Amino acid sequence: LQLLEVNVESERDFASAIALEPERRQGRRVPAGCRWPPALHYSQHVHYVEQLREYHEHFGRERVLALIYDDFRADNEAVVRQVFRFLGIDDAAPIAQTEANPTVRVRASRVHGLVHDAALGRGAVLGATKTAVKAITPARLRRGALRTVNRAVLDDDPPAPDEQLMLELRRRFKDEVIAASAYLDRDLVTLWGYDRID
């Protein structure tokens, strides 16, 4: 959904997008104008241990803080304070909570693409228009207007996941979750319900 929203992905059906991975790895069936083709290799994104090892090798384990998104959603403030402590920042500072980047489904891909291009000022006419609008309009007002247009016209609630596809993917990637659990010394298998997957 995020990649559809930022015009990297064009395939609206997740199962179809996953099925396209082999062709896309070979540079075929990549959407026109896609600025980040490796993002379309969805199966590669779940190699958590491999990714963490690379960070640990480059930066040292003591300089990497791995967080679990479920913890962040369950107790946002506690996780933010954990990040403060990790960075050596006073963790007693007040934290203003806001809902940011809600998951949405793009209703109309072409219209969304046009609005996105206009916001970025792509092309000579749009670039000149963006420059003029920026000169006379505060950034906060511009962002608010863009969010309003997106919510009212372009975005929709995300669809319910296809349960059969989700089960298939969970079976396919269970070993990755088991490996991440061992590497992080955290029971992600139970947390994410993989203990109920055969």
C-alpha atoms as a PDB file:
ATOM      1  CA  LEU A   1       0.000   0.000   0.000  1.00  0.00           C
ATOM      2  CA  GLN A   2       2.830   2.388   0.819  1.00  0.00           C
ATOM      3  CA  LEU A   3       4.563   1.688  -2.491  1.00  0.00           C
ATOM      4  CA  LEU A   4       1.304   2.287  -4.358  1.00  0.00           C
ATOM      5  CA  GLU A   5       0.911   5.565  -2.498  1.00  0.00           C
ATOM      6  CA  VAL A   6       4.391   6.810  -3.456  1.00  0.00           C
ATOM      7  CA  ASN A   7       4.117   5.663  -7.098  1.00  0.00           C
ATOM      8  CA  VAL A   8       6.727   2.909  -6.913  1.00  0.00           C
ATOM      9  CA  GLU A   9       4.221   0.053  -7.325  1.00  0.00           C
ATOM     10  CA  SER A  10       1.377  -0.088  -9.853  1.00  0.00           C
ATOM     11  CA  GLU A  11      -0.043  -3.553  -9.113  1.00  0.00           C
ATOM     12  CA  ARG A  12      -2.994  -3.084  -6.749  1.00  0.00           C
ATOM     13  CA  ASP A  13      -3.347  -6.788  -5.872  1.00  0.00           C
ATOM     14  CA  PHE A  14      -0.666  -7.889  -3.387  1.00  0.00           C
ATOM     15  CA  ALA A  15      -0.727 -11.554  -4.477  1.00  0.00           C
ATOM     16  CA  SER A  16      -0.138 -10.472  -8.084  1.00  0.00           C
ATOM     17  CA  ALA A  17       2.692  -8.147  -7.015  1.00  0.00           C
ATOM     18  CA  ILE A  18       4.400 -11.007  -5.188  1.00  0.00           C
ATOM     19  CA  ALA A  19       3.933 -13.289  -8.188  1.00  0.00           C
ATOM     20  CA  LEU A  20       5.710 -10.660 -10.336  1.00  0.00           C
ATOM     21  CA  GLU A  21       8.881 -10.758  -8.204  1.00  0.00           C
ATOM     22  CA  PRO A  22      10.886 -13.186 -10.409  1.00  0.00           C
ATOM     23  CA  GLU A  23      10.271 -11.089 -13.529  1.00  0.00           C
ATOM     24  CA  ARG A  24      10.933  -7.822 -11.714  1.00  0.00           C
ATOM     25  CA  ARG A  25      14.280  -9.126 -10.423  1.00  0.00           C
ATOM     26  CA  GLN A  26      15.222  -9.470 -14.079  1.00  0.00           C
ATOM     27  CA  GLY A  27      14.096  -5.906 -14.823  1.00  0.00           C
ATOM     28  CA  ARG A  28      10.838  -6.872 -16.510  1.00  0.00           C
ATOM     29  CA  ARG A  29       7.301  -5.762 -15.574  1.00  0.00           C
ATOM     30  CA  VAL A  30       8.665  -2.876 -13.480  1.00  0.00           C
ATOM     31  CA  PRO A  31       6.172   0.018 -13.499  1.00  0.00           C
ATOM     32  CA  ALA A  32       7.093   2.946 -15.736  1.00  0.00           C
ATOM     33  CA  GLY A  33       8.744   5.688 -13.727  1.00  0.00           C
ATOM     34  CA  CYS A  34       9.500   3.412 -10.765  1.00  0.00           C
ATOM     35  CA  ARG A  35      12.347   5.136  -8.913  1.00  0.00           C
ATOM     36  CA  TRP A  36      13.184   2.184  -6.629  1.00  0.00           C
ATOM     37  CA  PRO A  37      12.802  -1.195  -8.399  1.00  0.00           C
ATOM     38  CA  PRO A  38      14.390  -3.255  -5.555  1.00  0.00           C
ATOM     39  CA  ALA A  39      11.482  -2.197  -3.331  1.00  0.00           C
ATOM     40  CA  LEU A  40       9.304  -4.439  -5.515  1.00  0.00           C
ATOM     41  CA  HIS A  41      11.269  -7.523  -4.399  1.00  0.00           C
ATOM     42  CA  TYR A  42       8.975  -8.002  -1.413  1.00  0.00           C
ATOM     43  CA  SER A  43      10.393 -11.346  -0.281  1.00  0.00           C
ATOM     44  CA  GLN A  44      13.811  -9.776   0.253  1.00  0.00           C
ATOM     45  CA  HIS A  45      12.493  -7.350   2.870  1.00  0.00           C
ATOM     46  CA  VAL A  46      11.871 -10.041   5.485  1.00  0.00           C
ATOM     47  CA  HIS A  47      15.470 -11.246   5.871  1.00  0.00           C
ATOM     48  CA  TYR A  48      15.676  -9.494   9.239  1.00  0.00           C
ATOM     49  CA  VAL A  49      18.663 -11.356  10.686  1.00  0.00           C
ATOM     50  CA  GLU A  50      20.741 -10.819   7.555  1.00  0.00           C
ATOM     51  CA  GLN A  51      19.897  -7.090   7.615  1.00  0.00           C
ATOM     52  CA  LEU A  52      20.614  -6.739  11.348  1.00  0.00           C
ATOM     53  CA  ARG A  53      23.948  -8.553  10.986  1.00  0.00           C
ATOM     54  CA  GLU A  54      25.011  -6.117   8.287  1.00  0.00           C
ATOM     55  CA  TYR A  55      24.179  -3.145  10.524  1.00  0.00           C
ATOM     56  CA  HIS A  56      25.959  -4.765  13.472  1.00  0.00           C
ATOM     57  CA  GLU A  57      29.054  -5.483  11.373  1.00  0.00           C
ATOM     58  CA  HIS A  58      29.245  -1.918  10.079  1.00  0.00           C
ATOM     59  CA  PHE A  59      28.264   0.030  13.188  1.00  0.00           C
ATOM     60  CA  GLY A  60      28.729  -2.363  16.117  1.00  0.00           C
ATOM     61  CA  ARG A  61      25.915  -4.066  17.959  1.00  0.00           C
ATOM     62  CA  GLU A  62      26.018  -1.498  20.782  1.00  0.00           C
ATOM     63  CA  ARG A  63      25.237   1.298  18.295  1.00  0.00           C
ATOM     64  CA  VAL A  64      22.117  -0.324  16.803  1.00  0.00           C
ATOM     65  CA  LEU A  65      18.734  -0.345  18.519  1.00  0.00           C
ATOM     66  CA  ALA A  66      16.326  -2.883  17.026  1.00  0.00           C
ATOM     67  CA  LEU A  67      12.705  -2.096  17.863  1.00  0.00           C
ATOM     68  CA  ILE A  68       9.580  -4.159  17.339  1.00  0.00           C
ATOM     69  CA  TYR A  69       6.735  -2.191  15.771  1.00  0.00           C
ATOM     70  CA  ASP A  70       4.157  -4.025  17.923  1.00  0.00           C
ATOM     71  CA  ASP A  71       5.850  -2.547  21.015  1.00  0.00           C
ATOM     72  CA  PHE A  72       5.765   0.909  19.455  1.00  0.00           C
ATOM     73  CA  ARG A  73       2.026   0.598  18.767  1.00  0.00           C
ATOM     74  CA  ALA A  74       1.239  -0.935  22.156  1.00  0.00           C
ATOM     75  CA  ASP A  75       3.130   1.658  24.221  1.00  0.00           C
ATOM     76  CA  ASN A  76       4.361   4.399  21.952  1.00  0.00           C
ATOM     77  CA  GLU A  77       5.632   6.649  24.717  1.00  0.00           C
ATOM     78  CA  ALA A  78       7.678   3.897  26.401  1.00  0.00           C
ATOM     79  CA  VAL A  79       9.399   3.026  23.116  1.00  0.00           C
ATOM     80  CA  VAL A  80      10.122   6.681  22.315  1.00  0.00           C
ATOM     81  CA  ARG A  81      11.658   7.053  25.779  1.00  0.00           C
ATOM     82  CA  GLN A  82      13.731   3.909  25.122  1.00  0.00           C
ATOM     83  CA  VAL A  83      15.040   5.593  21.945  1.00  0.00           C
ATOM     84  CA  PHE A  84      15.822   8.753  23.954  1.00  0.00           C
ATOM     85  CA  ARG A  85      17.855   6.724  26.451  1.00  0.00           C
ATOM     86  CA  PHE A  86      19.669   4.892  23.646  1.00  0.00           C
ATOM     87  CA  LEU A  87      20.615   8.238  22.072  1.00  0.00           C
ATOM     88  CA  GLY A  88      21.631   9.728  25.411  1.00  0.00           C
ATOM     89  CA  ILE A  89      18.741  12.213  25.415  1.00  0.00           C
ATOM     90  CA  ASP A  90      16.816  13.148  28.564  1.00  0.00           C
ATOM     91  CA  ASP A  91      13.985  10.613  28.592  1.00  0.00           C
ATOM     92  CA  ALA A  92      11.858  12.751  30.941  1.00  0.00           C
ATOM     93  CA  ALA A  93      11.071  15.311  28.212  1.00  0.00           C
ATOM     94  CA  PRO A  94       7.357  15.642  27.389  1.00  0.00           C
ATOM     95  CA  ILE A  95       6.214  13.877  24.223  1.00  0.00           C
ATOM     96  CA  ALA A  96       3.359  15.184  22.081  1.00  0.00           C
ATOM     97  CA  GLN A  97       1.549  12.250  20.497  1.00  0.00           C
ATOM     98  CA  THR A  98       0.145  12.417  16.979  1.00  0.00           C
ATOM     99  CA  GLU A  99      -1.118   9.865  14.490  1.00  0.00           C
ATOM    100  CA  ALA A 100       1.249   9.962  11.521  1.00  0.00           C
ATOM    101  CA  ASN A 101       1.335   8.076   8.231  1.00  0.00           C
ATOM    102  CA  PRO A 102      -1.901   6.090   8.562  1.00  0.00           C
ATOM    103  CA  THR A 103      -2.175   3.047   6.310  1.00  0.00           C
ATOM    104  CA  VAL A 104      -4.391   3.859   3.361  1.00  0.00           C
ATOM    105  CA  ARG A 105      -5.353   2.473  -0.002  1.00  0.00           C
ATOM    106  CA  VAL A 106      -5.035   4.716  -3.047  1.00  0.00           C
ATOM    107  CA  ARG A 107      -8.446   4.968  -4.709  1.00  0.00           C
ATOM    108  CA  ALA A 108      -7.329   6.269  -8.110  1.00  0.00           C
ATOM    109  CA  SER A 109      -3.711   5.582  -9.062  1.00  0.00           C
ATOM    110  CA  ARG A 110      -3.578   7.976 -12.016  1.00  0.00           C
ATOM    111  CA  VAL A 111      -5.111  10.886 -10.120  1.00  0.00           C
ATOM    112  CA  HIS A 112      -2.859  10.132  -7.166  1.00  0.00           C
ATOM    113  CA  GLY A 113       0.134  10.171  -9.517  1.00  0.00           C
ATOM    114  CA  LEU A 114      -0.866  13.558 -10.916  1.00  0.00           C
ATOM    115  CA  VAL A 115      -1.286  15.039  -7.427  1.00  0.00           C
ATOM    116  CA  HIS A 116       2.051  13.522  -6.380  1.00  0.00           C
ATOM    117  CA  ASP A 117       3.790  14.942  -9.470  1.00  0.00           C
ATOM    118  CA  ALA A 118       2.217  18.344  -8.832  1.00  0.00           C
ATOM    119  CA  ALA A 119       3.373  18.276  -5.194  1.00  0.00           C
ATOM    120  CA  LEU A 120       6.922  17.450  -6.305  1.00  0.00           C
ATOM    121  CA  GLY A 121       6.841  19.953  -9.163  1.00  0.00           C
ATOM    122  CA  ARG A 122       7.738  17.412 -11.842  1.00  0.00           C
ATOM    123  CA  GLY A 123       7.884  18.869 -15.329  1.00  0.00           C
ATOM    124  CA  ALA A 124       8.433  22.453 -16.468  1.00  0.00           C
ATOM    125  CA  VAL A 125       4.893  23.744 -15.894  1.00  0.00           C
ATOM    126  CA  LEU A 126       4.407  21.965 -12.577  1.00  0.00           C
ATOM    127  CA  GLY A 127       7.889  23.019 -11.448  1.00  0.00           C
ATOM    128  CA  ALA A 128       7.133  26.684 -12.166  1.00  0.00           C
ATOM    129  CA  THR A 129       3.724  26.387 -10.475  1.00  0.00           C
ATOM    130  CA  LYS A 130       5.246  24.769  -7.406  1.00  0.00           C
ATOM    131  CA  THR A 131       7.879  27.509  -7.158  1.00  0.00           C
ATOM    132  CA  ALA A 132       5.189  30.206  -7.328  1.00  0.00           C
ATOM    133  CA  VAL A 133       2.954  28.453  -4.770  1.00  0.00           C
ATOM    134  CA  LYS A 134       5.911  27.957  -2.407  1.00  0.00           C
ATOM    135  CA  ALA A 135       6.760  31.635  -2.650  1.00  0.00           C
ATOM    136  CA  ILE A 136       3.331  32.777  -1.470  1.00  0.00           C
ATOM    137  CA  THR A 137       2.091  29.925   0.736  1.00  0.00           C
ATOM    138  CA  PRO A 138       3.495  28.726   4.083  1.00  0.00           C
ATOM    139  CA  ALA A 139       4.759  25.108   4.103  1.00  0.00           C
ATOM    140  CA  ARG A 140       2.334  24.123   6.880  1.00  0.00           C
ATOM    141  CA  LEU A 141      -0.621  25.312   4.826  1.00  0.00           C
ATOM    142  CA  ARG A 142       0.624  23.488   1.704  1.00  0.00           C
ATOM    143  CA  ARG A 143       1.099  20.217   3.610  1.00  0.00           C
ATOM    144  CA  GLY A 144      -2.328  20.545   5.215  1.00  0.00           C
ATOM    145  CA  ALA A 145      -3.994  21.163   1.845  1.00  0.00           C
ATOM    146  CA  LEU A 146      -2.245  18.151   0.304  1.00  0.00           C
ATOM    147  CA  ARG A 147      -3.282  15.926   3.223  1.00  0.00           C
ATOM    148  CA  THR A 148      -6.873  17.139   2.918  1.00  0.00           C
ATOM    149  CA  VAL A 149      -6.984  16.387  -0.822  1.00  0.00           C
ATOM    150  CA  ASN A 150      -5.438  12.960  -0.247  1.00  0.00           C
ATOM    151  CA  ARG A 151      -7.900  12.017   2.501  1.00  0.00           C
ATOM    152  CA  ALA A 152     -10.983  13.392   0.763  1.00  0.00           C
ATOM    153  CA  VAL A 153     -10.341  12.294  -2.802  1.00  0.00           C
ATOM    154  CA  LEU A 154      -7.452   9.872  -3.143  1.00  0.00           C
ATOM    155  CA  ASP A 155      -7.182   7.716  -0.025  1.00  0.00           C
ATOM    156  CA  ASP A 156      -9.470   5.023   1.295  1.00  0.00           C
ATOM    157  CA  ASP A 157      -9.352   2.557   4.165  1.00  0.00           C
ATOM    158  CA  PRO A 158      -7.058  -0.364   3.376  1.00  0.00           C
ATOM    159  CA  PRO A 159      -8.772  -3.549   2.237  1.00  0.00           C
ATOM    160  CA  ALA A 160      -8.999  -6.532   4.551  1.00  0.00           C
ATOM    161  CA  PRO A 161      -6.065  -8.875   3.931  1.00  0.00           C
ATOM    162  CA  ASP A 162      -6.638 -12.048   1.942  1.00  0.00           C
ATOM    163  CA  GLU A 163      -6.501 -14.610   4.749  1.00  0.00           C
ATOM    164  CA  GLN A 164      -5.378 -17.473   2.479  1.00  0.00           C
ATOM    165  CA  LEU A 165      -2.514 -15.378   1.080  1.00  0.00           C
ATOM    166  CA  MET A 166      -1.511 -14.253   4.575  1.00  0.00           C
ATOM    167  CA  LEU A 167      -1.409 -17.872   5.785  1.00  0.00           C
ATOM    168  CA  GLU A 168       0.686 -18.880   2.762  1.00  0.00           C
ATOM    169  CA  LEU A 169       3.143 -16.024   3.398  1.00  0.00           C
ATOM    170  CA  ARG A 170       3.332 -16.774   7.115  1.00  0.00           C
ATOM    171  CA  ARG A 171       4.200 -20.411   6.336  1.00  0.00           C
ATOM    172  CA  ARG A 172       6.760 -19.298   3.757  1.00  0.00           C
ATOM    173  CA  PHE A 173       8.529 -16.902   6.133  1.00  0.00           C
ATOM    174  CA  LYS A 174       8.157 -18.730   9.461  1.00  0.00           C
ATOM    175  CA  ASP A 175      11.848 -19.682   9.445  1.00  0.00           C
ATOM    176  CA  GLU A 176      12.778 -15.995   9.141  1.00  0.00           C
ATOM    177  CA  VAL A 177      10.714 -15.193  12.237  1.00  0.00           C
ATOM    178  CA  ILE A 178      12.256 -18.108  14.160  1.00  0.00           C
ATOM    179  CA  ALA A 179      15.749 -16.880  13.196  1.00  0.00           C
ATOM    180  CA  ALA A 180      14.933 -13.288  14.192  1.00  0.00           C
ATOM    181  CA  SER A 181      13.565 -14.521  17.520  1.00  0.00           C
ATOM    182  CA  ALA A 182      16.807 -16.331  18.263  1.00  0.00           C
ATOM    183  CA  TYR A 183      18.990 -13.462  17.064  1.00  0.00           C
ATOM    184  CA  LEU A 184      17.143 -10.826  19.107  1.00  0.00           C
ATOM    185  CA  ASP A 185      16.526 -13.162  22.046  1.00  0.00           C
ATOM    186  CA  ARG A 186      12.849 -12.246  21.855  1.00  0.00           C
ATOM    187  CA  ASP A 187       9.902 -14.593  21.284  1.00  0.00           C
ATOM    188  CA  LEU A 188       8.519 -13.130  18.070  1.00  0.00           C
ATOM    189  CA  VAL A 189       7.111 -16.532  17.116  1.00  0.00           C
ATOM    190  CA  THR A 190       4.472 -16.321  19.858  1.00  0.00           C
ATOM    191  CA  LEU A 191       4.054 -12.537  19.607  1.00  0.00           C
ATOM    192  CA  TRP A 192       3.169 -12.753  15.920  1.00  0.00           C
ATOM    193  CA  GLY A 193       1.188 -16.027  16.146  1.00  0.00           C
ATOM    194  CA  TYR A 194       3.662 -18.205  14.267  1.00  0.00           C
ATOM    195  CA  ASP A 195       3.395 -20.814  17.017  1.00  0.00           C
ATOM    196  CA  ARG A 196      -0.067 -21.584  15.590  1.00  0.00           C
ATOM    197  CA  ILE A 197       1.224 -22.031  12.032  1.00  0.00           C
ATOM    198  CA  ASP A 198       2.237 -25.534  10.912  1.00  0.00           C
END
